[in-house]
Amino acid sequence: AAHRLGLPMTKALTSLTRIIRQDLQEVRAENLPILARGLGKGDWHEEFVLLHAICRQGSLALQEGVLKAQAACAFIAVCSNSNWQIFDEELLQNASRAFQNGSKDLSTKELCDVIYSVSSFQVR
């Protein structure tokens, strides 16, 4: 829609990213993994800050049991992406607990994706 109005996409995405970041507490927990997966087309710095905030909120939702192993898969996949490389120890601990409690509910593909994602983290 923004493109049809003649707005540059990067500028529109940056504005949207800022708005979402300001109102992130209003986003339902089950939408956090979807939102995290949708990043990557706007301003890298703005989206990095938003992704970190999503991960912090998602970590709390994992800890409280609101989100389960499938959501943990999404967070780990996005955070290990070479564009981001967000290493949040609390998120990893809560994701690990979610995997321990819900690995039987994960598909083989999801399990393989998690293994690949964790192996992609780089210590710098």
Foldseek 3Di string as FASTA:
>chain_A
DCVVVVHDPQVVVLVVLVVCQVVVVVDDLVCLLVVLVPDDDYDLVSNLVSLVVSLVVNLVCLVVVVDAQVSLLSNLLSCLPPSHLDDDPSSVVSNVVRCVVCVVVDDPVSVVSNVVSVVSRDDD
